[in-house]
Structures are given as structure tokens and as C-alpha cells.
PDB file of all heavy atoms in Angstrom:
ATOM      1  N   ARG A   1       6.445 -25.277   1.442  1.00  0.00           N
ATOM      2  CA  ARG A   1       6.217 -24.015   0.739  1.00  0.00           C
ATOM      3  C   ARG A   1       4.776 -23.991   0.234  1.00  0.00           C
ATOM      4  O   ARG A   1       4.017 -24.929   0.455  1.00  0.00           O
ATOM      5  CB  ARG A   1       7.189 -23.874  -0.442  1.00  0.00           C
ATOM      6  CG  ARG A   1       8.665 -23.962  -0.079  1.00  0.00           C
ATOM      7  CD  ARG A   1       9.098 -22.860   0.850  1.00  0.00           C
ATOM      8  NE  ARG A   1       8.960 -21.542   0.264  1.00  0.00           N
ATOM      9  CZ  ARG A   1       9.912 -20.930  -0.432  1.00  0.00           C
ATOM     10  NH1 ARG A   1      11.076 -21.523  -0.618  1.00  0.00           N
ATOM     11  NH2 ARG A   1       9.719 -19.718  -0.918  1.00  0.00           N
ATOM     12  N   THR A   2       4.401 -22.927  -0.447  1.00  0.00           N
ATOM     13  CA  THR A   2       3.077 -22.869  -1.071  1.00  0.00           C
ATOM     14  C   THR A   2       3.242 -22.720  -2.582  1.00  0.00           C
ATOM     15  O   THR A   2       4.184 -22.080  -3.061  1.00  0.00           O
ATOM     16  CB  THR A   2       2.244 -21.687  -0.532  1.00  0.00           C
ATOM     17  OG1 THR A   2       2.928 -20.468  -0.794  1.00  0.00           O
ATOM     18  CG2 THR A   2       2.017 -21.840   0.965  1.00  0.00           C
ATOM     19  N   LYS A   3       2.314 -23.326  -3.348  1.00  0.00           N
ATOM     20  CA  LYS A   3       2.385 -23.288  -4.812  1.00  0.00           C
ATOM     21  C   LYS A   3       2.125 -21.886  -5.327  1.00  0.00           C
ATOM     22  O   LYS A   3       2.693 -21.467  -6.333  1.00  0.00           O
ATOM     23  CB  LYS A   3       1.373 -24.270  -5.415  1.00  0.00           C
ATOM     24  CG  LYS A   3       1.722 -25.739  -5.208  1.00  0.00           C
ATOM     25  CD  LYS A   3       0.667 -26.653  -5.827  1.00  0.00           C
ATOM     26  CE  LYS A   3       0.689 -26.576  -7.347  1.00  0.00           C
ATOM     27  NZ  LYS A   3      -0.231 -27.570  -7.952  1.00  0.00           N
ATOM     28  N   THR A   4       1.234 -21.181  -4.681  1.00  0.00           N
ATOM     29  CA  THR A   4       0.934 -19.792  -5.025  1.00  0.00           C
ATOM     30  C   THR A   4       1.161 -18.939  -3.781  1.00  0.00           C
ATOM     31  O   THR A   4       1.419 -19.473  -2.696  1.00  0.00           O
ATOM     32  CB  THR A   4      -0.517 -19.644  -5.504  1.00  0.00           C
ATOM     33  OG1 THR A   4      -1.401 -20.166  -4.498  1.00  0.00           O
ATOM     34  CG2 THR A   4      -0.745 -20.395  -6.816  1.00  0.00           C
ATOM     35  N   ASN A   5       1.053 -17.631  -3.949  1.00  0.00           N
ATOM     36  CA  ASN A   5       1.272 -16.752  -2.791  1.00  0.00           C
ATOM     37  C   ASN A   5       0.241 -15.630  -2.762  1.00  0.00           C
ATOM     38  O   ASN A   5       0.578 -14.452  -2.640  1.00  0.00           O
ATOM     39  CB  ASN A   5       2.697 -16.186  -2.817  1.00  0.00           C
ATOM     40  CG  ASN A   5       3.051 -15.459  -1.518  1.00  0.00           C
ATOM     41  OD1 ASN A   5       2.393 -15.631  -0.488  1.00  0.00           O
ATOM     42  ND2 ASN A   5       4.074 -14.623  -1.559  1.00  0.00           N
ATOM     43  N   ASN A   6      -1.028 -15.991  -2.845  1.00  0.00           N
ATOM     44  CA  ASN A   6      -2.086 -14.998  -2.708  1.00  0.00           C
ATOM     45  C   ASN A   6      -2.117 -14.409  -1.300  1.00  0.00           C
ATOM     46  O   ASN A   6      -2.615 -13.305  -1.086  1.00  0.00           O
ATOM     47  CB  ASN A   6      -3.443 -15.619  -3.047  1.00  0.00           C
ATOM     48  CG  ASN A   6      -3.573 -15.920  -4.533  1.00  0.00           C
ATOM     49  OD1 ASN A   6      -3.194 -15.115  -5.368  1.00  0.00           O
ATOM     50  ND2 ASN A   6      -4.085 -17.101  -4.856  1.00  0.00           N
ATOM     51  N   SER A   7      -1.571 -15.161  -0.340  1.00  0.00           N
ATOM     52  CA  SER A   7      -1.557 -14.704   1.054  1.00  0.00           C
ATOM     53  C   SER A   7      -0.534 -13.605   1.304  1.00  0.00           C
ATOM     54  O   SER A   7      -0.516 -13.011   2.395  1.00  0.00           O
ATOM     55  CB  SER A   7      -1.263 -15.881   1.996  1.00  0.00           C
ATOM     56  OG  SER A   7      -2.244 -16.886   1.871  1.00  0.00           O
ATOM     57  N   GLY A   8       0.326 -13.351   0.327  1.00  0.00           N
ATOM     58  CA  GLY A   8       1.344 -12.315   0.516  1.00  0.00           C
ATOM     59  C   GLY A   8       2.338 -12.659   1.600  1.00  0.00           C
ATOM     60  O   GLY A   8       2.879 -11.776   2.265  1.00  0.00           O
ATOM     61  N   GLY A   9       2.610 -13.954   1.780  1.00  0.00           N
ATOM     62  CA  GLY A   9       3.612 -14.379   2.750  1.00  0.00           C
ATOM     63  C   GLY A   9       3.157 -14.349   4.186  1.00  0.00           C
ATOM     64  O   GLY A   9       3.973 -14.544   5.097  1.00  0.00           O
ATOM     65  N   ILE A  10       1.861 -14.110   4.414  1.00  0.00           N
ATOM     66  CA  ILE A  10       1.350 -13.976   5.786  1.00  0.00           C
ATOM     67  C   ILE A  10       0.036 -14.748   5.905  1.00  0.00           C
ATOM     68  O   ILE A  10      -0.885 -14.534   5.120  1.00  0.00           O
ATOM     69  CB  ILE A  10       1.107 -12.495   6.154  1.00  0.00           C
ATOM     70  CG1 ILE A  10       2.389 -11.667   5.962  1.00  0.00           C
ATOM     71  CG2 ILE A  10       0.606 -12.372   7.586  1.00  0.00           C
ATOM     72  CD1 ILE A  10       2.161 -10.166   6.033  1.00  0.00           C
ATOM     73  N   GLN A  11      -0.052 -15.616   6.891  1.00  0.00           N
ATOM     74  CA  GLN A  11      -1.289 -16.365   7.146  1.00  0.00           C
ATOM     75  C   GLN A  11      -1.565 -16.349   8.641  1.00  0.00           C
ATOM     76  O   GLN A  11      -0.674 -16.640   9.444  1.00  0.00           O
ATOM     77  CB  GLN A  11      -1.174 -17.803   6.620  1.00  0.00           C
ATOM     78  CG  GLN A  11      -1.085 -17.848   5.095  1.00  0.00           C
ATOM     79  CD  GLN A  11      -0.686 -19.208   4.556  1.00  0.00           C
ATOM     80  OE1 GLN A  11       0.066 -19.947   5.178  1.00  0.00           O
ATOM     81  NE2 GLN A  11      -1.197 -19.540   3.369  1.00  0.00           N
ATOM     82  N   GLY A  12      -2.778 -15.986   9.012  1.00  0.00           N
ATOM     83  CA  GLY A  12      -3.110 -15.865  10.423  1.00  0.00           C
ATOM     84  C   GLY A  12      -2.329 -14.786  11.131  1.00  0.00           C
ATOM     85  O   GLY A  12      -2.153 -14.830  12.350  1.00  0.00           O
ATOM     86  N   GLY A  13      -1.858 -13.791  10.357  1.00  0.00           N
ATOM     87  CA  GLY A  13      -1.073 -12.705  10.929  1.00  0.00           C
ATOM     88  C   GLY A  13       0.391 -13.037  11.124  1.00  0.00           C
ATOM     89  O   GLY A  13       1.144 -12.220  11.653  1.00  0.00           O
ATOM     90  N   ILE A  14       0.817 -14.240  10.682  1.00  0.00           N
ATOM     91  CA  ILE A  14       2.173 -14.736  10.916  1.00  0.00           C
ATOM     92  C   ILE A  14       2.829 -15.089   9.583  1.00  0.00           C
ATOM     93  O   ILE A  14       2.185 -15.678   8.704  1.00  0.00           O
ATOM     94  CB  ILE A  14       2.140 -15.977  11.834  1.00  0.00           C
ATOM     95  CG1 ILE A  14       1.494 -15.607  13.187  1.00  0.00           C
ATOM     96  CG2 ILE A  14       3.533 -16.544  12.055  1.00  0.00           C
ATOM     97  CD1 ILE A  14       1.203 -16.803  14.071  1.00  0.00           C
ATOM     98  N   SER A  15       4.096 -14.725   9.412  1.00  0.00           N
ATOM     99  CA  SER A  15       4.797 -15.005   8.157  1.00  0.00           C
ATOM    100  C   SER A  15       4.932 -16.508   7.945  1.00  0.00           C
ATOM    101  O   SER A  15       5.138 -17.271   8.885  1.00  0.00           O
ATOM    102  CB  SER A  15       6.178 -14.345   8.155  1.00  0.00           C
ATOM    103  OG  SER A  15       6.985 -14.855   9.207  1.00  0.00           O
ATOM    104  N   ASN A  16       4.806 -16.926   6.663  1.00  0.00           N
ATOM    105  CA  ASN A  16       4.870 -18.362   6.345  1.00  0.00           C
ATOM    106  C   ASN A  16       6.115 -18.739   5.554  1.00  0.00           C
ATOM    107  O   ASN A  16       6.243 -19.865   5.086  1.00  0.00           O
ATOM    108  CB  ASN A  16       3.610 -18.798   5.592  1.00  0.00           C
ATOM    109  CG  ASN A  16       3.480 -18.156   4.211  1.00  0.00           C
ATOM    110  OD1 ASN A  16       4.364 -17.415   3.771  1.00  0.00           O
ATOM    111  ND2 ASN A  16       2.372 -18.422   3.536  1.00  0.00           N
ATOM    112  N   GLY A  17       7.042 -17.808   5.369  1.00  0.00           N
ATOM    113  CA  GLY A  17       8.286 -18.107   4.672  1.00  0.00           C
ATOM    114  C   GLY A  17       8.300 -17.699   3.216  1.00  0.00           C
ATOM    115  O   GLY A  17       9.359 -17.706   2.588  1.00  0.00           O
ATOM    116  N   GLU A  18       7.151 -17.326   2.662  1.00  0.00           N
ATOM    117  CA  GLU A  18       7.105 -16.832   1.284  1.00  0.00           C
ATOM    118  C   GLU A  18       7.394 -15.328   1.279  1.00  0.00           C
ATOM    119  O   GLU A  18       7.455 -14.677   2.325  1.00  0.00           O
ATOM    120  CB  GLU A  18       5.728 -17.110   0.676  1.00  0.00           C
ATOM    121  CG  GLU A  18       5.310 -18.571   0.670  1.00  0.00           C
ATOM    122  CD  GLU A  18       6.192 -19.446  -0.214  1.00  0.00           C
ATOM    123  OE1 GLU A  18       6.775 -18.926  -1.193  1.00  0.00           O
ATOM    124  OE2 GLU A  18       6.302 -20.662   0.076  1.00  0.00           O
ATOM    125  N   ASP A  19       7.566 -14.772   0.080  1.00  0.00           N
ATOM    126  CA  ASP A  19       7.789 -13.335  -0.030  1.00  0.00           C
ATOM    127  C   ASP A  19       6.606 -12.572   0.559  1.00  0.00           C
ATOM    128  O   ASP A  19       5.445 -12.915   0.305  1.00  0.00           O
ATOM    129  CB  ASP A  19       7.939 -12.920  -1.493  1.00  0.00           C
ATOM    130  CG  ASP A  19       9.193 -13.470  -2.153  1.00  0.00           C
ATOM    131  OD1 ASP A  19      10.102 -13.912  -1.420  1.00  0.00           O
ATOM    132  OD2 ASP A  19       9.256 -13.451  -3.398  1.00  0.00           O
ATOM    133  N   VAL A  20       6.901 -11.542   1.322  1.00  0.00           N
ATOM    134  CA  VAL A  20       5.865 -10.610   1.772  1.00  0.00           C
ATOM    135  C   VAL A  20       5.812  -9.483   0.753  1.00  0.00           C
ATOM    136  O   VAL A  20       6.813  -8.805   0.515  1.00  0.00           O
ATOM    137  CB  VAL A  20       6.190 -10.047   3.173  1.00  0.00           C
ATOM    138  CG1 VAL A  20       5.196  -8.951   3.551  1.00  0.00           C
ATOM    139  CG2 VAL A  20       6.174 -11.173   4.209  1.00  0.00           C
ATOM    140  N   TYR A  21       4.660  -9.311   0.107  1.00  0.00           N
ATOM    141  CA  TYR A  21       4.542  -8.238  -0.878  1.00  0.00           C
ATOM    142  C   TYR A  21       3.247  -7.473  -0.669  1.00  0.00           C
ATOM    143  O   TYR A  21       2.255  -8.007  -0.183  1.00  0.00           O
ATOM    144  CB  TYR A  21       4.653  -8.777  -2.309  1.00  0.00           C
ATOM    145  CG  TYR A  21       3.509  -9.639  -2.775  1.00  0.00           C
ATOM    146  CD1 TYR A  21       2.460  -9.106  -3.534  1.00  0.00           C
ATOM    147  CD2 TYR A  21       3.473 -11.008  -2.491  1.00  0.00           C
ATOM    148  CE1 TYR A  21       1.414  -9.897  -3.973  1.00  0.00           C
ATOM    149  CE2 TYR A  21       2.434 -11.803  -2.922  1.00  0.00           C
ATOM    150  CZ  TYR A  21       1.404 -11.244  -3.676  1.00  0.00           C
ATOM    151  OH  TYR A  21       0.360 -12.040  -4.097  1.00  0.00           O
ATOM    152  N   PHE A  22       3.276  -6.184  -1.039  1.00  0.00           N
ATOM    153  CA  PHE A  22       2.157  -5.300  -0.728  1.00  0.00           C
ATOM    154  C   PHE A  22       2.190  -4.090  -1.654  1.00  0.00           C
ATOM    155  O   PHE A  22       3.205  -3.779  -2.280  1.00  0.00           O
ATOM    156  CB  PHE A  22       2.234  -4.840   0.732  1.00  0.00           C
ATOM    157  CG  PHE A  22       3.553  -4.230   1.114  1.00  0.00           C
ATOM    158  CD1 PHE A  22       3.804  -2.875   0.930  1.00  0.00           C
ATOM    159  CD2 PHE A  22       4.575  -5.025   1.647  1.00  0.00           C
ATOM    160  CE1 PHE A  22       5.020  -2.323   1.273  1.00  0.00           C
ATOM    161  CE2 PHE A  22       5.808  -4.473   1.979  1.00  0.00           C
ATOM    162  CZ  PHE A  22       6.024  -3.112   1.794  1.00  0.00           C
ATOM    163  N   ASN A  23       1.050  -3.401  -1.730  1.00  0.00           N
ATOM    164  CA  ASN A  23       0.922  -2.155  -2.496  1.00  0.00           C
ATOM    165  C   ASN A  23       0.563  -1.010  -1.567  1.00  0.00           C
ATOM    166  O   ASN A  23      -0.224  -1.187  -0.627  1.00  0.00           O
ATOM    167  CB  ASN A  23      -0.160  -2.276  -3.570  1.00  0.00           C
ATOM    168  CG  ASN A  23       0.241  -3.197  -4.703  1.00  0.00           C
ATOM    169  OD1 ASN A  23       1.425  -3.355  -4.996  1.00  0.00           O
ATOM    170  ND2 ASN A  23      -0.735  -3.800  -5.358  1.00  0.00           N
ATOM    171  N   VAL A  24       1.121   0.164  -1.857  1.00  0.00           N
ATOM    172  CA  VAL A  24       0.836   1.369  -1.089  1.00  0.00           C
ATOM    173  C   VAL A  24       0.370   2.446  -2.057  1.00  0.00           C
ATOM    174  O   VAL A  24       1.076   2.777  -3.014  1.00  0.00           O
ATOM    175  CB  VAL A  24       2.087   1.859  -0.324  1.00  0.00           C
ATOM    176  CG1 VAL A  24       1.732   3.017   0.593  1.00  0.00           C
ATOM    177  CG2 VAL A  24       2.725   0.719   0.468  1.00  0.00           C
ATOM    178  N   ALA A  25      -0.845   2.971  -1.831  1.00  0.00           N
ATOM    179  CA  ALA A  25      -1.419   3.980  -2.720  1.00  0.00           C
ATOM    180  C   ALA A  25      -1.116   5.387  -2.198  1.00  0.00           C
ATOM    181  O   ALA A  25      -1.362   5.684  -1.027  1.00  0.00           O
ATOM    182  CB  ALA A  25      -2.927   3.777  -2.832  1.00  0.00           C
ATOM    183  N   PHE A  26      -0.595   6.234  -3.072  1.00  0.00           N
ATOM    184  CA  PHE A  26      -0.278   7.623  -2.734  1.00  0.00           C
ATOM    185  C   PHE A  26      -1.200   8.555  -3.516  1.00  0.00           C
ATOM    186  O   PHE A  26      -1.364   8.411  -4.723  1.00  0.00           O
ATOM    187  CB  PHE A  26       1.169   7.956  -3.090  1.00  0.00           C
ATOM    188  CG  PHE A  26       2.185   7.365  -2.159  1.00  0.00           C
ATOM    189  CD1 PHE A  26       2.564   6.029  -2.263  1.00  0.00           C
ATOM    190  CD2 PHE A  26       2.778   8.142  -1.172  1.00  0.00           C
ATOM    191  CE1 PHE A  26       3.501   5.483  -1.404  1.00  0.00           C
ATOM    192  CE2 PHE A  26       3.722   7.609  -0.318  1.00  0.00           C
ATOM    193  CZ  PHE A  26       4.080   6.277  -0.416  1.00  0.00           C
ATOM    194  N   LYS A  27      -1.775   9.519  -2.823  1.00  0.00           N
ATOM    195  CA  LYS A  27      -2.626  10.504  -3.487  1.00  0.00           C
ATOM    196  C   LYS A  27      -1.765  11.514  -4.257  1.00  0.00           C
ATOM    197  O   LYS A  27      -0.551  11.626  -4.008  1.00  0.00           O
ATOM    198  CB  LYS A  27      -3.482  11.244  -2.461  1.00  0.00           C
ATOM    199  CG  LYS A  27      -2.684  12.204  -1.576  1.00  0.00           C
ATOM    200  CD  LYS A  27      -3.592  13.015  -0.675  1.00  0.00           C
ATOM    201  CE  LYS A  27      -2.782  14.019   0.154  1.00  0.00           C
ATOM    202  NZ  LYS A  27      -3.639  14.867   0.990  1.00  0.00           N
ATOM    203  N   PRO A  28      -2.372  12.254  -5.181  1.00  0.00           N
ATOM    204  CA  PRO A  28      -1.664  13.418  -5.733  1.00  0.00           C
ATOM    205  C   PRO A  28      -1.423  14.395  -4.584  1.00  0.00           C
ATOM    206  O   PRO A  28      -2.354  14.710  -3.843  1.00  0.00           O
ATOM    207  CB  PRO A  28      -2.662  14.002  -6.742  1.00  0.00           C
ATOM    208  CG  PRO A  28      -3.664  12.928  -6.982  1.00  0.00           C
ATOM    209  CD  PRO A  28      -3.722  12.103  -5.734  1.00  0.00           C
ATOM    210  N   ILE A  29      -0.185  14.834  -4.392  1.00  0.00           N
ATOM    211  CA  ILE A  29       0.096  15.681  -3.234  1.00  0.00           C
ATOM    212  C   ILE A  29      -0.681  16.988  -3.333  1.00  0.00           C
ATOM    213  O   ILE A  29      -1.020  17.454  -4.415  1.00  0.00           O
ATOM    214  CB  ILE A  29       1.602  15.938  -3.057  1.00  0.00           C
ATOM    215  CG1 ILE A  29       2.217  16.581  -4.293  1.00  0.00           C
ATOM    216  CG2 ILE A  29       2.313  14.654  -2.713  1.00  0.00           C
ATOM    217  CD1 ILE A  29       3.669  16.938  -4.110  1.00  0.00           C
ATOM    218  N   ALA A  30      -0.949  17.575  -2.183  1.00  0.00           N
ATOM    219  CA  ALA A  30      -1.952  18.635  -2.084  1.00  0.00           C
ATOM    220  C   ALA A  30      -1.462  20.012  -2.508  1.00  0.00           C
ATOM    221  O   ALA A  30      -2.273  20.881  -2.826  1.00  0.00           O
ATOM    222  CB  ALA A  30      -2.479  18.699  -0.656  1.00  0.00           C
ATOM    223  N   THR A  31      -0.154  20.245  -2.512  1.00  0.00           N
ATOM    224  CA  THR A  31       0.344  21.573  -2.846  1.00  0.00           C
ATOM    225  C   THR A  31       0.367  21.765  -4.354  1.00  0.00           C
ATOM    226  O   THR A  31       1.125  21.105  -5.066  1.00  0.00           O
ATOM    227  CB  THR A  31       1.752  21.790  -2.279  1.00  0.00           C
ATOM    228  OG1 THR A  31       1.711  21.670  -0.859  1.00  0.00           O
ATOM    229  CG2 THR A  31       2.260  23.179  -2.648  1.00  0.00           C
ATOM    230  N   LEU A  32      -0.473  22.672  -4.837  1.00  0.00           N
ATOM    231  CA  LEU A  32      -0.533  23.019  -6.254  1.00  0.00           C
ATOM    232  C   LEU A  32      -0.059  24.451  -6.434  1.00  0.00           C
ATOM    233  O   LEU A  32      -0.473  25.343  -5.693  1.00  0.00           O
ATOM    234  CB  LEU A  32      -1.961  22.900  -6.779  1.00  0.00           C
ATOM    235  CG  LEU A  32      -2.732  21.614  -6.487  1.00  0.00           C
ATOM    236  CD1 LEU A  32      -4.119  21.701  -7.121  1.00  0.00           C
ATOM    237  CD2 LEU A  32      -1.984  20.402  -6.996  1.00  0.00           C
ATOM    238  N   LEU A  33       0.787  24.696  -7.411  1.00  0.00           N
ATOM    239  CA  LEU A  33       1.266  26.054  -7.680  1.00  0.00           C
ATOM    240  C   LEU A  33       0.312  26.743  -8.644  1.00  0.00           C
ATOM    241  O   LEU A  33       0.677  27.167  -9.739  1.00  0.00           O
ATOM    242  CB  LEU A  33       2.699  26.006  -8.220  1.00  0.00           C
ATOM    243  CG  LEU A  33       3.729  25.361  -7.294  1.00  0.00           C
ATOM    244  CD1 LEU A  33       5.116  25.421  -7.901  1.00  0.00           C
ATOM    245  CD2 LEU A  33       3.719  26.027  -5.918  1.00  0.00           C
ATOM    246  N   LYS A  34      -0.948  26.803  -8.217  1.00  0.00           N
ATOM    247  CA  LYS A  34      -1.977  27.474  -9.005  1.00  0.00           C
ATOM    248  C   LYS A  34      -3.059  27.981  -8.048  1.00  0.00           C
ATOM    249  O   LYS A  34      -3.109  27.581  -6.883  1.00  0.00           O
ATOM    250  CB  LYS A  34      -2.583  26.534 -10.037  1.00  0.00           C
ATOM    251  CG  LYS A  34      -3.221  25.272  -9.449  1.00  0.00           C
ATOM    252  CD  LYS A  34      -4.028  24.487 -10.461  1.00  0.00           C
ATOM    253  CE  LYS A  34      -3.263  24.099 -11.681  1.00  0.00           C
ATOM    254  NZ  LYS A  34      -4.062  23.279 -12.612  1.00  0.00           N
ATOM    255  N   GLU A  35      -3.918  28.827  -8.543  1.00  0.00           N
ATOM    256  CA  GLU A  35      -4.952  29.399  -7.697  1.00  0.00           C
ATOM    257  C   GLU A  35      -5.936  28.339  -7.208  1.00  0.00           C
ATOM    258  O   GLU A  35      -6.335  27.457  -7.964  1.00  0.00           O
ATOM    259  CB  GLU A  35      -5.726  30.484  -8.456  1.00  0.00           C
ATOM    260  CG  GLU A  35      -4.960  31.780  -8.611  1.00  0.00           C
ATOM    261  CD  GLU A  35      -5.851  32.913  -9.105  1.00  0.00           C
ATOM    262  OE1 GLU A  35      -7.038  32.643  -9.417  1.00  0.00           O
ATOM    263  OE2 GLU A  35      -5.363  34.051  -9.165  1.00  0.00           O
ATOM    264  N   GLN A  36      -6.276  28.442  -5.900  1.00  0.00           N
ATOM    265  CA  GLN A  36      -7.284  27.571  -5.308  1.00  0.00           C
ATOM    266  C   GLN A  36      -8.124  28.387  -4.328  1.00  0.00           C
ATOM    267  O   GLN A  36      -7.654  29.372  -3.766  1.00  0.00           O
ATOM    268  CB  GLN A  36      -6.617  26.418  -4.548  1.00  0.00           C
ATOM    269  CG  GLN A  36      -5.865  25.437  -5.415  1.00  0.00           C
ATOM    270  CD  GLN A  36      -5.313  24.308  -4.579  1.00  0.00           C
ATOM    271  OE1 GLN A  36      -5.976  23.324  -4.297  1.00  0.00           O
ATOM    272  NE2 GLN A  36      -4.066  24.461  -4.157  1.00  0.00           N
ATOM    273  N   GLN A  37      -9.346  27.927  -4.115  1.00  0.00           N
ATOM    274  CA  GLN A  37     -10.239  28.562  -3.154  1.00  0.00           C
ATOM    275  C   GLN A  37     -10.068  27.918  -1.785  1.00  0.00           C
ATOM    276  O   GLN A  37      -9.891  26.699  -1.682  1.00  0.00           O
ATOM    277  CB  GLN A  37     -11.694  28.427  -3.605  1.00  0.00           C
ATOM    278  CG  GLN A  37     -11.986  29.053  -4.959  1.00  0.00           C
ATOM    279  CD  GLN A  37     -11.671  30.535  -5.003  1.00  0.00           C
ATOM    280  OE1 GLN A  37     -12.126  31.284  -4.131  1.00  0.00           O
ATOM    281  NE2 GLN A  37     -10.903  30.967  -5.996  1.00  0.00           N
ATOM    282  N   THR A  38     -10.110  28.720  -0.722  1.00  0.00           N
ATOM    283  CA  THR A  38     -10.021  28.180   0.629  1.00  0.00           C
ATOM    284  C   THR A  38     -10.579  29.218   1.613  1.00  0.00           C
ATOM    285  O   THR A  38     -11.228  30.184   1.212  1.00  0.00           O
ATOM    286  CB  THR A  38      -8.581  27.784   0.981  1.00  0.00           C
ATOM    287  OG1 THR A  38      -8.578  27.078   2.227  1.00  0.00           O
ATOM    288  CG2 THR A  38      -7.672  29.000   1.060  1.00  0.00           C
ATOM    289  N   VAL A  39     -10.300  29.017   2.901  1.00  0.00           N
ATOM    290  CA  VAL A  39     -10.689  29.992   3.925  1.00  0.00           C
ATOM    291  C   VAL A  39      -9.494  30.251   4.836  1.00  0.00           C
ATOM    292  O   VAL A  39      -8.550  29.449   4.889  1.00  0.00           O
ATOM    293  CB  VAL A  39     -11.885  29.495   4.777  1.00  0.00           C
ATOM    294  CG1 VAL A  39     -13.118  29.279   3.919  1.00  0.00           C
ATOM    295  CG2 VAL A  39     -11.520  28.212   5.525  1.00  0.00           C
ATOM    296  N   ASP A  40      -9.542  31.370   5.555  1.00  0.00           N
ATOM    297  CA  ASP A  40      -8.493  31.671   6.521  1.00  0.00           C
ATOM    298  C   ASP A  40      -8.992  31.403   7.938  1.00  0.00           C
ATOM    299  O   ASP A  40     -10.124  30.935   8.126  1.00  0.00           O
ATOM    300  CB  ASP A  40      -7.976  33.101   6.368  1.00  0.00           C
ATOM    301  CG  ASP A  40      -9.055  34.158   6.621  1.00  0.00           C
ATOM    302  OD1 ASP A  40     -10.074  33.836   7.272  1.00  0.00           O
ATOM    303  OD2 ASP A  40      -8.868  35.304   6.175  1.00  0.00           O
TER     304      ASP A  40
END
């Protein structure tokens, strides 16, 4: 095993048996129910 898991369970592109963990960033969604400027 590994003492720490900074690798996120993956080394050399291959899983090493530790937990695989990750973050996914989501933007504020684009549809606003208020006036906006645009073009047609």
C-alpha cells in the first residue's frame, strides 16, 4: 500500500489499489431569468 495518496490511486496511468478520488468544477449555469444583452 502507500502511506499517503497524493497520486489519487493512479500512478503511471494505472490504478495502484488506493482510493481513486477527484474534483469536478461546475460553472454557474448559463440560463439566468433576468435581462441580458446578446445578438440574434
